[in-house]
Amino acid sequence: MTELTGRQPAAPADGAPPLLATEKLTRHFKIGNALSRRTLHAVDDVDLAIGEREIVALVGESGSGKSTIARLLARIHKPTGGEIYFQGKPLSGLRSRAAELRYRSDVPMVFQDPFSSINPVFRVSHGVMRCLALHRPELSGQQRQEEAERVFTAVGLTPAAEVLQRFPHELSGGQRQRVGFAQALAMRPKLILADEPVSMLDVSIRIGLLNLMAGLRDEEGVSVLYITHDIASARYVADRLIVMYAGQIAESGPAEEVLASPRHPYTQLLLSAVPDPRAALAVGAETDRGEPPRVIDPVPGCRFRWRCPLAIDECHRVTPPLRPLLPGRSVACHVAQADAATEAFR
């Protein structure tokens, strides 16, 4: 019988120690004025883990906390609570500038907007050369040029020497986003945080960027945290899936297993909007009652209960913890956990 108690982070599928993990990661923002101060719970008690040579997709609608998590992992935001561990060591222990630079080299970020993430005044070579000068100062000028050409070739920007001399306005959106990946790759990263990297690109060129991420995993040994609201693209490229809703993890597990048999009603809702015959679900329009997430001074209870057709009394009183249902599968849902317990007794 499956034990249904205790917290369980979304662990790497092979059971190996994670490259990066979080424990009760929390980020709150104060909003309002001195007379009406309120707290927005952007991220609450998130446990996740990313293994080596693994693509993990963090999926959810706008406002679910996905990008906030990326910025916490990139140390753009400081956590309100909890801890981030990289290669087993807590990031709260980083004190020196050198240690910060090493971490930022290991875990760079590729941003959503390829049109504003590259300085339009300079040639394309400017950004990657600055990365190399800052994060790999041991390289000579000639070695930096050779490394810049290598990473541009690795991301499909060829002939590399010619592309490096272009200005950003001479590149397409897809090429600009590849420049972002090239700059990240120049740092010799272990994990790339890709925040909605294909959302602003034409559908016809998105598949190329998804294939690029898979290639970086397979050929360069780089892990990727792929943040997206598009569950179809997550299905295509991800090894594991973490579904977020209103700042909390709703469900996690191997991508194909989660998408073939979703346990959380929110995951079912996301899938119901994807025209894929392989994921046919008996989920109708009544699943979504249109209530927005309530993340400002939230009260106890499931944050999805206002939209969930399966909500029971316990959902309005007790916040469901993220618990294991199957090996590698975890769900934060009272109904799913009760159903799993019933199945285990059969």
C-alpha atoms as a PDB file:
ATOM      1  CA  MET A   1       0.000   0.000   0.000  1.00  0.00           C
ATOM      2  CA  THR A   2       1.301   3.466  -0.895  1.00  0.00           C
ATOM      3  CA  GLU A   3       2.080   5.696   2.067  1.00  0.00           C
ATOM      4  CA  LEU A   4       0.352   9.049   1.662  1.00  0.00           C
ATOM      5  CA  THR A   5       2.028  11.155   4.315  1.00  0.00           C
ATOM      6  CA  GLY A   6       4.967  13.531   4.311  1.00  0.00           C
ATOM      7  CA  ARG A   7       6.435  16.052   1.894  1.00  0.00           C
ATOM      8  CA  GLN A   8       8.155  14.884  -1.257  1.00  0.00           C
ATOM      9  CA  PRO A   9      10.025  17.180  -3.630  1.00  0.00           C
ATOM     10  CA  ALA A  10       9.773  16.569  -7.342  1.00  0.00           C
ATOM     11  CA  ALA A  11      12.878  14.375  -7.467  1.00  0.00           C
ATOM     12  CA  PRO A  12      14.954  13.420 -10.518  1.00  0.00           C
ATOM     13  CA  ALA A  13      13.519  10.412 -12.282  1.00  0.00           C
ATOM     14  CA  ASP A  14      16.643   8.260 -11.895  1.00  0.00           C
ATOM     15  CA  GLY A  15      16.834   8.732  -8.123  1.00  0.00           C
ATOM     16  CA  ALA A  16      20.259  10.412  -8.322  1.00  0.00           C
ATOM     17  CA  PRO A  17      21.107  13.335  -6.025  1.00  0.00           C
ATOM     18  CA  PRO A  18      19.648  16.511  -7.526  1.00  0.00           C
ATOM     19  CA  LEU A  19      21.771  19.147  -9.175  1.00  0.00           C
ATOM     20  CA  LEU A  20      19.510  21.842  -7.727  1.00  0.00           C
ATOM     21  CA  ALA A  21      16.759  21.530  -5.132  1.00  0.00           C
ATOM     22  CA  THR A  22      14.538  23.805  -3.097  1.00  0.00           C
ATOM     23  CA  GLU A  23      13.047  23.279   0.352  1.00  0.00           C
ATOM     24  CA  LYS A  24       9.902  25.200   1.289  1.00  0.00           C
ATOM     25  CA  LEU A  25      10.922  28.000  -1.076  1.00  0.00           C
ATOM     26  CA  THR A  26       8.723  31.035  -0.439  1.00  0.00           C
ATOM     27  CA  ARG A  27       8.478  34.533  -1.859  1.00  0.00           C
ATOM     28  CA  HIS A  28       5.921  37.100  -0.701  1.00  0.00           C
ATOM     29  CA  PHE A  29       5.487  40.680  -1.904  1.00  0.00           C
ATOM     30  CA  LYS A  30       4.005  43.507   0.140  1.00  0.00           C
ATOM     31  CA  ILE A  31       1.386  45.505  -1.755  1.00  0.00           C
ATOM     32  CA  GLY A  32      -0.827  48.451  -0.913  1.00  0.00           C
ATOM     33  CA  ASN A  33       0.064  51.402   1.286  1.00  0.00           C
ATOM     34  CA  ALA A  34       0.740  51.937   4.966  1.00  0.00           C
ATOM     35  CA  LEU A  35      -2.994  52.004   5.734  1.00  0.00           C
ATOM     36  CA  SER A  36      -3.904  48.872   3.771  1.00  0.00           C
ATOM     37  CA  ARG A  37      -0.834  46.672   3.696  1.00  0.00           C
ATOM     38  CA  ARG A  38      -1.461  43.264   2.165  1.00  0.00           C
ATOM     39  CA  THR A  39       0.733  40.335   1.167  1.00  0.00           C
ATOM     40  CA  LEU A  40       0.837  38.653  -2.239  1.00  0.00           C
ATOM     41  CA  HIS A  41       1.895  35.009  -1.917  1.00  0.00           C
ATOM     42  CA  ALA A  42       3.756  34.581  -5.227  1.00  0.00           C
ATOM     43  CA  VAL A  43       5.463  31.336  -4.172  1.00  0.00           C
ATOM     44  CA  ASP A  44       4.577  29.260  -1.121  1.00  0.00           C
ATOM     45  CA  ASP A  45       6.511  26.285   0.316  1.00  0.00           C
ATOM     46  CA  VAL A  46       7.762  24.930  -3.015  1.00  0.00           C
ATOM     47  CA  ASP A  47       9.887  21.767  -2.985  1.00  0.00           C
ATOM     48  CA  LEU A  48      11.385  20.867  -6.345  1.00  0.00           C
ATOM     49  CA  ALA A  49      14.505  19.168  -7.662  1.00  0.00           C
ATOM     50  CA  ILE A  50      16.347  19.110 -10.974  1.00  0.00           C
ATOM     51  CA  GLY A  51      18.784  16.357 -11.860  1.00  0.00           C
ATOM     52  CA  GLU A  52      21.828  16.396 -14.100  1.00  0.00           C
ATOM     53  CA  ARG A  53      21.224  16.190 -17.870  1.00  0.00           C
ATOM     54  CA  GLU A  54      17.489  16.659 -17.341  1.00  0.00           C
ATOM     55  CA  ILE A  55      14.844  18.986 -18.749  1.00  0.00           C
ATOM     56  CA  VAL A  56      12.175  19.854 -16.192  1.00  0.00           C
ATOM     57  CA  ALA A  57       9.152  21.826 -17.388  1.00  0.00           C
ATOM     58  CA  LEU A  58       7.494  24.183 -14.902  1.00  0.00           C
ATOM     59  CA  VAL A  59       3.968  24.598 -16.265  1.00  0.00           C
ATOM     60  CA  GLY A  60       1.069  26.823 -15.260  1.00  0.00           C
ATOM     61  CA  GLU A  61      -1.019  29.778 -16.302  1.00  0.00           C
ATOM     62  CA  SER A  62       0.038  33.397 -15.907  1.00  0.00           C
ATOM     63  CA  GLY A  63       0.343  34.362 -12.260  1.00  0.00           C
ATOM     64  CA  SER A  64       1.075  30.850 -11.038  1.00  0.00           C
ATOM     65  CA  GLY A  65       4.545  31.785  -9.764  1.00  0.00           C
ATOM     66  CA  LYS A  66       6.673  30.166 -12.481  1.00  0.00           C
ATOM     67  CA  SER A  67       8.774  33.201 -13.369  1.00  0.00           C
ATOM     68  CA  THR A  68       9.126  34.162  -9.714  1.00  0.00           C
ATOM     69  CA  ILE A  69      10.699  30.765  -9.058  1.00  0.00           C
ATOM     70  CA  ALA A  70      13.120  31.323 -11.958  1.00  0.00           C
ATOM     71  CA  ARG A  71      14.119  34.691 -10.521  1.00  0.00           C
ATOM     72  CA  LEU A  72      14.599  33.172  -7.089  1.00  0.00           C
ATOM     73  CA  LEU A  73      16.842  30.467  -8.534  1.00  0.00           C
ATOM     74  CA  ALA A  74      18.755  33.118 -10.499  1.00  0.00           C
ATOM     75  CA  ARG A  75      19.098  35.167  -7.278  1.00  0.00           C
ATOM     76  CA  ILE A  76      17.353  38.156  -8.817  1.00  0.00           C
ATOM     77  CA  HIS A  77      14.857  37.951  -5.939  1.00  0.00           C
ATOM     78  CA  LYS A  78      15.719  36.916  -2.404  1.00  0.00           C
ATOM     79  CA  PRO A  79      13.486  34.262  -0.826  1.00  0.00           C
ATOM     80  CA  THR A  80      11.102  35.280   1.914  1.00  0.00           C
ATOM     81  CA  GLY A  81      11.631  31.818   3.368  1.00  0.00           C
ATOM     82  CA  GLY A  82      13.022  28.396   2.588  1.00  0.00           C
ATOM     83  CA  GLU A  83      16.309  27.397   1.008  1.00  0.00           C
ATOM     84  CA  ILE A  84      17.846  26.674  -2.389  1.00  0.00           C
ATOM     85  CA  TYR A  85      20.511  23.985  -2.643  1.00  0.00           C
ATOM     86  CA  PHE A  86      22.962  23.719  -5.549  1.00  0.00           C
ATOM     87  CA  GLN A  87      25.083  20.578  -5.689  1.00  0.00           C
ATOM     88  CA  GLY A  88      24.043  19.925  -2.106  1.00  0.00           C
ATOM     89  CA  LYS A  89      25.141  23.300  -0.731  1.00  0.00           C
ATOM     90  CA  PRO A  90      22.728  26.043   0.456  1.00  0.00           C
ATOM     91  CA  LEU A  91      22.840  29.268  -1.513  1.00  0.00           C
ATOM     92  CA  SER A  92      22.296  31.242   1.676  1.00  0.00           C
ATOM     93  CA  GLY A  93      25.930  30.406   2.406  1.00  0.00           C
ATOM     94  CA  LEU A  94      27.225  32.380  -0.589  1.00  0.00           C
ATOM     95  CA  ARG A  95      29.016  35.395   0.780  1.00  0.00           C
ATOM     96  CA  SER A  96      31.740  36.506  -1.629  1.00  0.00           C
ATOM     97  CA  ARG A  97      31.400  38.061  -5.071  1.00  0.00           C
ATOM     98  CA  ALA A  98      33.513  35.243  -6.506  1.00  0.00           C
ATOM     99  CA  ALA A  99      31.084  32.635  -5.150  1.00  0.00           C
ATOM    100  CA  GLU A 100      28.140  34.567  -6.609  1.00  0.00           C
ATOM    101  CA  LEU A 101      29.831  34.723 -10.011  1.00  0.00           C
ATOM    102  CA  ARG A 102      30.545  30.988  -9.947  1.00  0.00           C
ATOM    103  CA  TYR A 103      26.902  30.243  -9.227  1.00  0.00           C
ATOM    104  CA  ARG A 104      25.683  32.615 -11.920  1.00  0.00           C
ATOM    105  CA  SER A 105      28.044  30.903 -14.358  1.00  0.00           C
ATOM    106  CA  ASP A 106      26.644  27.519 -13.385  1.00  0.00           C
ATOM    107  CA  VAL A 107      22.993  28.668 -13.481  1.00  0.00           C
ATOM    108  CA  PRO A 108      22.459  31.400 -16.109  1.00  0.00           C
ATOM    109  CA  MET A 109      19.065  32.582 -17.290  1.00  0.00           C
ATOM    110  CA  VAL A 110      17.569  32.993 -20.767  1.00  0.00           C
ATOM    111  CA  PHE A 111      14.815  35.591 -20.715  1.00  0.00           C
ATOM    112  CA  GLN A 112      11.452  35.621 -22.427  1.00  0.00           C
ATOM    113  CA  ASP A 113      11.802  38.624 -24.712  1.00  0.00           C
ATOM    114  CA  PRO A 114      14.533  38.155 -27.342  1.00  0.00           C
ATOM    115  CA  PHE A 115      14.044  41.734 -28.549  1.00  0.00           C
ATOM    116  CA  SER A 116      14.931  43.423 -25.251  1.00  0.00           C
ATOM    117  CA  SER A 117      17.455  40.965 -23.782  1.00  0.00           C
ATOM    118  CA  ILE A 118      20.212  41.969 -26.255  1.00  0.00           C
ATOM    119  CA  ASN A 119      21.656  45.481 -26.334  1.00  0.00           C
ATOM    120  CA  PRO A 120      20.647  46.902 -29.748  1.00  0.00           C
ATOM    121  CA  VAL A 121      23.555  49.395 -29.834  1.00  0.00           C
ATOM    122  CA  PHE A 122      26.336  46.799 -30.031  1.00  0.00           C
ATOM    123  CA  ARG A 123      27.157  43.944 -32.354  1.00  0.00           C
ATOM    124  CA  VAL A 124      25.972  40.493 -31.349  1.00  0.00           C
ATOM    125  CA  SER A 125      29.513  39.594 -30.282  1.00  0.00           C
ATOM    126  CA  HIS A 126      29.422  42.212 -27.511  1.00  0.00           C
ATOM    127  CA  GLY A 127      27.218  40.228 -25.119  1.00  0.00           C
ATOM    128  CA  VAL A 128      28.984  36.902 -25.418  1.00  0.00           C
ATOM    129  CA  MET A 129      32.431  38.542 -25.152  1.00  0.00           C
ATOM    130  CA  ARG A 130      31.348  40.312 -21.952  1.00  0.00           C
ATOM    131  CA  CYS A 131      30.142  36.990 -20.527  1.00  0.00           C
ATOM    132  CA  LEU A 132      33.477  35.382 -21.320  1.00  0.00           C
ATOM    133  CA  ALA A 133      35.464  38.293 -19.896  1.00  0.00           C
ATOM    134  CA  LEU A 134      33.478  38.292 -16.653  1.00  0.00           C
ATOM    135  CA  HIS A 135      32.997  34.585 -16.053  1.00  0.00           C
ATOM    136  CA  ARG A 136      36.065  33.091 -17.769  1.00  0.00           C
ATOM    137  CA  PRO A 137      38.826  35.697 -17.312  1.00  0.00           C
ATOM    138  CA  GLU A 138      41.551  33.096 -17.834  1.00  0.00           C
ATOM    139  CA  LEU A 139      40.865  33.069 -21.584  1.00  0.00           C
ATOM    140  CA  SER A 140      42.975  35.183 -23.925  1.00  0.00           C
ATOM    141  CA  GLY A 141      41.414  37.423 -26.563  1.00  0.00           C
ATOM    142  CA  GLN A 142      41.929  34.809 -29.279  1.00  0.00           C
ATOM    143  CA  GLN A 143      40.496  32.057 -27.060  1.00  0.00           C
ATOM    144  CA  ARG A 144      37.405  34.174 -26.378  1.00  0.00           C
ATOM    145  CA  GLN A 145      36.840  34.611 -30.081  1.00  0.00           C
ATOM    146  CA  GLU A 146      37.202  30.864 -30.652  1.00  0.00           C
ATOM    147  CA  GLU A 147      34.853  30.075 -27.784  1.00  0.00           C
ATOM    148  CA  ALA A 148      32.284  32.591 -29.036  1.00  0.00           C
ATOM    149  CA  GLU A 149      32.346  30.933 -32.452  1.00  0.00           C
ATOM    150  CA  ARG A 150      32.041  27.489 -30.843  1.00  0.00           C
ATOM    151  CA  VAL A 151      28.939  28.324 -28.806  1.00  0.00           C
ATOM    152  CA  PHE A 152      27.292  30.140 -31.705  1.00  0.00           C
ATOM    153  CA  THR A 153      27.838  27.063 -33.863  1.00  0.00           C
ATOM    154  CA  ALA A 154      26.483  24.852 -31.060  1.00  0.00           C
ATOM    155  CA  VAL A 155      23.194  26.779 -31.010  1.00  0.00           C
ATOM    156  CA  GLY A 156      22.813  26.790 -34.776  1.00  0.00           C
ATOM    157  CA  LEU A 157      23.997  30.334 -35.593  1.00  0.00           C
ATOM    158  CA  THR A 158      26.218  29.758 -38.600  1.00  0.00           C
ATOM    159  CA  PRO A 159      28.529  30.844 -40.051  1.00  0.00           C
ATOM    160  CA  ALA A 160      29.410  31.882 -36.510  1.00  0.00           C
ATOM    161  CA  ALA A 161      32.126  34.411 -37.380  1.00  0.00           C
ATOM    162  CA  GLU A 162      29.702  36.255 -39.643  1.00  0.00           C
ATOM    163  CA  VAL A 163      26.741  36.210 -37.230  1.00  0.00           C
ATOM    164  CA  LEU A 164      28.928  37.560 -34.416  1.00  0.00           C
ATOM    165  CA  GLN A 165      29.529  40.722 -36.453  1.00  0.00           C
ATOM    166  CA  ARG A 166      25.851  41.450 -37.056  1.00  0.00           C
ATOM    167  CA  PHE A 167      23.705  43.888 -35.107  1.00  0.00           C
ATOM    168  CA  PRO A 168      20.614  42.579 -33.282  1.00  0.00           C
ATOM    169  CA  HIS A 169      18.215  44.251 -35.716  1.00  0.00           C
ATOM    170  CA  GLU A 170      19.684  42.072 -38.477  1.00  0.00           C
ATOM    171  CA  LEU A 171      18.539  38.886 -36.709  1.00  0.00           C
ATOM    172  CA  SER A 172      15.113  37.282 -36.485  1.00  0.00           C
ATOM    173  CA  GLY A 173      13.403  36.659 -33.147  1.00  0.00           C
ATOM    174  CA  GLY A 174      14.425  33.015 -33.196  1.00  0.00           C
ATOM    175  CA  GLN A 175      18.044  33.918 -33.919  1.00  0.00           C
ATOM    176  CA  ARG A 176      18.064  36.463 -31.095  1.00  0.00           C
ATOM    177  CA  GLN A 177      16.797  33.839 -28.692  1.00  0.00           C
ATOM    178  CA  ARG A 178      19.571  31.508 -29.865  1.00  0.00           C
ATOM    179  CA  VAL A 179      22.020  34.298 -29.037  1.00  0.00           C
ATOM    180  CA  GLY A 180      20.646  34.209 -25.486  1.00  0.00           C
ATOM    181  CA  PHE A 181      21.305  30.481 -25.289  1.00  0.00           C
ATOM    182  CA  ALA A 182      24.790  30.999 -26.761  1.00  0.00           C
ATOM    183  CA  GLN A 183      25.626  33.575 -24.091  1.00  0.00           C
ATOM    184  CA  ALA A 184      24.441  31.157 -21.408  1.00  0.00           C
ATOM    185  CA  LEU A 185      26.396  28.283 -22.948  1.00  0.00           C
ATOM    186  CA  ALA A 186      29.579  30.380 -23.010  1.00  0.00           C
ATOM    187  CA  MET A 187      29.594  30.298 -19.201  1.00  0.00           C
ATOM    188  CA  ARG A 188      29.878  26.466 -19.243  1.00  0.00           C
ATOM    189  CA  PRO A 189      26.617  26.131 -17.284  1.00  0.00           C
ATOM    190  CA  LYS A 190      25.280  23.117 -15.471  1.00  0.00           C
ATOM    191  CA  LEU A 191      21.671  24.371 -15.502  1.00  0.00           C
ATOM    192  CA  ILE A 192      19.955  26.915 -17.771  1.00  0.00           C
ATOM    193  CA  LEU A 193      16.842  28.706 -16.525  1.00  0.00           C
ATOM    194  CA  ALA A 194      14.739  29.234 -19.664  1.00  0.00           C
ATOM    195  CA  ASP A 195      11.848  31.560 -18.837  1.00  0.00           C
ATOM    196  CA  GLU A 196       9.192  31.258 -21.571  1.00  0.00           C
ATOM    197  CA  PRO A 197      11.887  31.228 -24.286  1.00  0.00           C
ATOM    198  CA  VAL A 198       9.505  30.423 -27.170  1.00  0.00           C
ATOM    199  CA  SER A 199       6.347  32.306 -26.162  1.00  0.00           C
ATOM    200  CA  MET A 200       7.144  35.380 -28.286  1.00  0.00           C
ATOM    201  CA  LEU A 201       8.255  33.426 -31.350  1.00  0.00           C
ATOM    202  CA  ASP A 202       6.288  32.322 -34.389  1.00  0.00           C
ATOM    203  CA  VAL A 203       4.856  28.829 -34.116  1.00  0.00           C
ATOM    204  CA  SER A 204       6.888  27.741 -37.131  1.00  0.00           C
ATOM    205  CA  ILE A 205      10.224  28.366 -35.383  1.00  0.00           C
ATOM    206  CA  ARG A 206       9.367  27.298 -31.832  1.00  0.00           C
ATOM    207  CA  ILE A 207      10.169  23.660 -32.555  1.00  0.00           C
ATOM    208  CA  GLY A 208      13.737  24.665 -33.429  1.00  0.00           C
ATOM    209  CA  LEU A 209      14.257  26.204 -29.984  1.00  0.00           C
ATOM    210  CA  LEU A 210      12.758  23.167 -28.270  1.00  0.00           C
ATOM    211  CA  ASN A 211      15.103  20.916 -30.249  1.00  0.00           C
ATOM    212  CA  LEU A 212      17.969  23.207 -29.242  1.00  0.00           C
ATOM    213  CA  MET A 213      17.208  22.679 -25.543  1.00  0.00           C
ATOM    214  CA  ALA A 214      17.097  18.922 -26.078  1.00  0.00           C
ATOM    215  CA  GLY A 215      20.395  19.122 -27.935  1.00  0.00           C
ATOM    216  CA  LEU A 216      22.061  21.054 -25.127  1.00  0.00           C
ATOM    217  CA  ARG A 217      20.960  18.346 -22.707  1.00  0.00           C
ATOM    218  CA  ASP A 218      22.142  15.483 -24.905  1.00  0.00           C
ATOM    219  CA  GLU A 219      25.323  16.957 -26.395  1.00  0.00           C
ATOM    220  CA  GLU A 220      26.507  19.492 -23.805  1.00  0.00           C
ATOM    221  CA  GLY A 221      25.221  17.733 -20.685  1.00  0.00           C
ATOM    222  CA  VAL A 222      23.289  20.823 -19.564  1.00  0.00           C
ATOM    223  CA  SER A 223      20.101  20.600 -17.522  1.00  0.00           C
ATOM    224  CA  VAL A 224      17.230  22.977 -18.325  1.00  0.00           C
ATOM    225  CA  LEU A 225      14.379  24.360 -16.253  1.00  0.00           C
ATOM    226  CA  TYR A 226      11.869  25.122 -19.000  1.00  0.00           C
ATOM    227  CA  ILE A 227       9.207  27.557 -17.786  1.00  0.00           C
ATOM    228  CA  THR A 228       6.103  27.672 -19.940  1.00  0.00           C
ATOM    229  CA  HIS A 229       2.330  28.017 -19.997  1.00  0.00           C
ATOM    230  CA  ASP A 230       2.222  25.762 -23.083  1.00  0.00           C
ATOM    231  CA  ILE A 231       1.723  22.211 -21.899  1.00  0.00           C
ATOM    232  CA  ALA A 232       1.994  20.911 -25.475  1.00  0.00           C
ATOM    233  CA  SER A 233       5.586  22.116 -25.821  1.00  0.00           C
ATOM    234  CA  ALA A 234       6.350  20.735 -22.360  1.00  0.00           C
ATOM    235  CA  ARG A 235       5.088  17.353 -23.553  1.00  0.00           C
ATOM    236  CA  TYR A 236       7.461  17.543 -26.513  1.00  0.00           C
ATOM    237  CA  VAL A 237      10.701  18.375 -24.720  1.00  0.00           C
ATOM    238  CA  ALA A 238      10.484  17.689 -20.968  1.00  0.00           C
ATOM    239  CA  ASP A 239      11.650  14.660 -19.004  1.00  0.00           C
ATOM    240  CA  ARG A 240       9.617  15.677 -15.961  1.00  0.00           C
ATOM    241  CA  LEU A 241       6.697  18.002 -15.421  1.00  0.00           C
ATOM    242  CA  ILE A 242       5.902  20.250 -12.461  1.00  0.00           C
ATOM    243  CA  VAL A 243       2.450  21.845 -12.605  1.00  0.00           C
ATOM    244  CA  MET A 244       1.992  25.031 -10.585  1.00  0.00           C
ATOM    245  CA  TYR A 245      -1.138  26.852  -9.532  1.00  0.00           C
ATOM    246  CA  ALA A 246      -1.360  30.027  -7.420  1.00  0.00           C
ATOM    247  CA  GLY A 247       2.197  29.791  -6.111  1.00  0.00           C
ATOM    248  CA  GLN A 248       2.089  26.118  -5.162  1.00  0.00           C
ATOM    249  CA  ILE A 249       2.909  22.830  -6.864  1.00  0.00           C
ATOM    250  CA  ALA A 250      -0.274  21.012  -7.851  1.00  0.00           C
ATOM    251  CA  GLU A 251       1.254  17.908  -9.430  1.00  0.00           C
ATOM    252  CA  SER A 252       4.637  16.555 -10.509  1.00  0.00           C
ATOM    253  CA  GLY A 253       6.129  13.485 -12.118  1.00  0.00           C
ATOM    254  CA  PRO A 254       7.528  12.044 -15.356  1.00  0.00           C
ATOM    255  CA  ALA A 255       6.098  14.094 -18.217  1.00  0.00           C
ATOM    256  CA  GLU A 256       4.508  11.256 -20.163  1.00  0.00           C
ATOM    257  CA  GLU A 257       2.949   9.724 -17.037  1.00  0.00           C
ATOM    258  CA  VAL A 258       1.491  13.018 -15.814  1.00  0.00           C
ATOM    259  CA  LEU A 259       0.058  13.851 -19.221  1.00  0.00           C
ATOM    260  CA  ALA A 260      -1.274  10.347 -19.845  1.00  0.00           C
ATOM    261  CA  SER A 261      -2.952  10.117 -16.436  1.00  0.00           C
ATOM    262  CA  PRO A 262      -3.291  13.508 -14.699  1.00  0.00           C
ATOM    263  CA  ARG A 263      -4.493  13.277 -11.102  1.00  0.00           C
ATOM    264  CA  HIS A 264      -4.998  16.932 -10.170  1.00  0.00           C
ATOM    265  CA  PRO A 265      -8.135  18.651 -11.573  1.00  0.00           C
ATOM    266  CA  TYR A 266      -6.012  21.643 -12.592  1.00  0.00           C
ATOM    267  CA  THR A 267      -3.711  19.458 -14.694  1.00  0.00           C
ATOM    268  CA  GLN A 268      -6.813  17.976 -16.288  1.00  0.00           C
ATOM    269  CA  LEU A 269      -8.043  21.491 -17.026  1.00  0.00           C
ATOM    270  CA  LEU A 270      -4.783  22.407 -18.743  1.00  0.00           C
ATOM    271  CA  LEU A 271      -4.894  19.258 -20.838  1.00  0.00           C
ATOM    272  CA  SER A 272      -8.516  19.749 -21.792  1.00  0.00           C
ATOM    273  CA  ALA A 273      -7.470  22.866 -23.699  1.00  0.00           C
ATOM    274  CA  VAL A 274      -4.846  21.003 -25.770  1.00  0.00           C
ATOM    275  CA  PRO A 275      -6.131  19.486 -29.035  1.00  0.00           C
ATOM    276  CA  ASP A 276      -4.257  16.191 -28.724  1.00  0.00           C
ATOM    277  CA  PRO A 277      -6.045  12.900 -29.466  1.00  0.00           C
ATOM    278  CA  ARG A 278      -3.520  11.007 -27.348  1.00  0.00           C
ATOM    279  CA  ALA A 279      -4.711  12.889 -24.261  1.00  0.00           C
ATOM    280  CA  ALA A 280      -8.441  12.513 -24.650  1.00  0.00           C
ATOM    281  CA  LEU A 281     -10.132  13.393 -21.369  1.00  0.00           C
ATOM    282  CA  ALA A 282     -13.693  13.399 -20.113  1.00  0.00           C
ATOM    283  CA  VAL A 283     -13.295  16.949 -18.873  1.00  0.00           C
ATOM    284  CA  GLY A 284     -15.814  19.494 -20.047  1.00  0.00           C
ATOM    285  CA  ALA A 285     -16.057  23.244 -19.972  1.00  0.00           C
ATOM    286  CA  GLU A 286     -17.679  23.078 -16.544  1.00  0.00           C
ATOM    287  CA  THR A 287     -14.235  22.301 -15.079  1.00  0.00           C
ATOM    288  CA  ASP A 288     -13.272  25.954 -15.205  1.00  0.00           C
ATOM    289  CA  ARG A 289     -15.625  28.172 -13.244  1.00  0.00           C
ATOM    290  CA  GLY A 290     -13.631  31.266 -14.116  1.00  0.00           C
ATOM    291  CA  GLU A 291     -12.522  32.224 -10.600  1.00  0.00           C
ATOM    292  CA  PRO A 292      -9.031  33.806 -10.563  1.00  0.00           C
ATOM    293  CA  PRO A 293      -6.407  32.476  -8.137  1.00  0.00           C
ATOM    294  CA  ARG A 294      -6.662  34.022  -4.680  1.00  0.00           C
ATOM    295  CA  VAL A 295      -3.062  34.709  -3.651  1.00  0.00           C
ATOM    296  CA  ILE A 296      -3.421  37.976  -1.728  1.00  0.00           C
ATOM    297  CA  ASP A 297      -3.614  37.108   1.971  1.00  0.00           C
ATOM    298  CA  PRO A 298      -4.961  33.632   1.103  1.00  0.00           C
ATOM    299  CA  VAL A 299      -6.929  31.689   3.697  1.00  0.00           C
ATOM    300  CA  PRO A 300      -6.368  27.978   4.413  1.00  0.00           C
ATOM    301  CA  GLY A 301      -7.746  25.539   1.891  1.00  0.00           C
ATOM    302  CA  CYS A 302      -6.993  24.470  -1.657  1.00  0.00           C
ATOM    303  CA  ARG A 303      -6.408  27.527  -3.836  1.00  0.00           C
ATOM    304  CA  PHE A 304      -8.011  25.767  -6.814  1.00  0.00           C
ATOM    305  CA  ARG A 305     -11.236  24.960  -4.971  1.00  0.00           C
ATOM    306  CA  TRP A 306     -13.117  27.929  -6.454  1.00  0.00           C
ATOM    307  CA  ARG A 307     -12.702  26.457  -9.938  1.00  0.00           C
ATOM    308  CA  CYS A 308     -12.769  22.753  -9.118  1.00  0.00           C
ATOM    309  CA  PRO A 309     -15.905  20.663  -9.788  1.00  0.00           C
ATOM    310  CA  LEU A 310     -14.624  17.934  -7.428  1.00  0.00           C
ATOM    311  CA  ALA A 311     -14.100  20.134  -4.358  1.00  0.00           C
ATOM    312  CA  ILE A 312     -15.214  18.653  -1.037  1.00  0.00           C
ATOM    313  CA  ASP A 313     -15.604  20.265   2.386  1.00  0.00           C
ATOM    314  CA  GLU A 314     -12.009  19.483   3.342  1.00  0.00           C
ATOM    315  CA  CYS A 315     -10.792  21.470   0.307  1.00  0.00           C
ATOM    316  CA  HIS A 316     -12.286  24.630   1.852  1.00  0.00           C
ATOM    317  CA  ARG A 317     -10.701  24.064   5.259  1.00  0.00           C
ATOM    318  CA  VAL A 318      -7.294  22.413   4.815  1.00  0.00           C
ATOM    319  CA  THR A 319      -4.524  23.240   2.351  1.00  0.00           C
ATOM    320  CA  PRO A 320      -3.608  19.924   0.666  1.00  0.00           C
ATOM    321  CA  PRO A 321       0.092  19.060   1.024  1.00  0.00           C
ATOM    322  CA  LEU A 322       2.107  17.712  -1.878  1.00  0.00           C
ATOM    323  CA  ARG A 323       2.191  13.967  -1.269  1.00  0.00           C
ATOM    324  CA  PRO A 324       3.415  10.919  -3.200  1.00  0.00           C
ATOM    325  CA  LEU A 325       0.704   8.873  -4.888  1.00  0.00           C
ATOM    326  CA  LEU A 326       2.882   6.630  -7.069  1.00  0.00           C
ATOM    327  CA  PRO A 327       6.652   6.218  -7.452  1.00  0.00           C
ATOM    328  CA  GLY A 328       7.882   9.551  -8.764  1.00  0.00           C
ATOM    329  CA  ARG A 329       4.363  11.043  -8.809  1.00  0.00           C
ATOM    330  CA  SER A 330       3.146  13.625  -6.297  1.00  0.00           C
ATOM    331  CA  VAL A 331      -0.170  15.494  -6.111  1.00  0.00           C
ATOM    332  CA  ALA A 332      -1.547  18.217  -3.830  1.00  0.00           C
ATOM    333  CA  CYS A 333      -5.231  17.264  -3.899  1.00  0.00           C
ATOM    334  CA  HIS A 334      -7.449  15.828  -1.154  1.00  0.00           C
ATOM    335  CA  VAL A 335      -9.679  14.034  -3.661  1.00  0.00           C
ATOM    336  CA  ALA A 336      -6.790  12.486  -5.607  1.00  0.00           C
ATOM    337  CA  GLN A 337      -5.117  11.368  -2.396  1.00  0.00           C
ATOM    338  CA  ALA A 338      -8.351   9.792  -1.133  1.00  0.00           C
ATOM    339  CA  ASP A 339      -8.848   8.027  -4.459  1.00  0.00           C
ATOM    340  CA  ALA A 340      -5.287   6.684  -4.343  1.00  0.00           C
ATOM    341  CA  ALA A 341      -5.779   5.401  -0.816  1.00  0.00           C
ATOM    342  CA  THR A 342      -8.966   3.632  -1.904  1.00  0.00           C
ATOM    343  CA  GLU A 343      -7.170   2.059  -4.868  1.00  0.00           C
ATOM    344  CA  ALA A 344      -4.335   0.870  -2.616  1.00  0.00           C
ATOM    345  CA  PHE A 345      -6.765  -1.062  -0.377  1.00  0.00           C
ATOM    346  CA  ARG A 346      -8.321  -2.927  -3.297  1.00  0.00           C
END
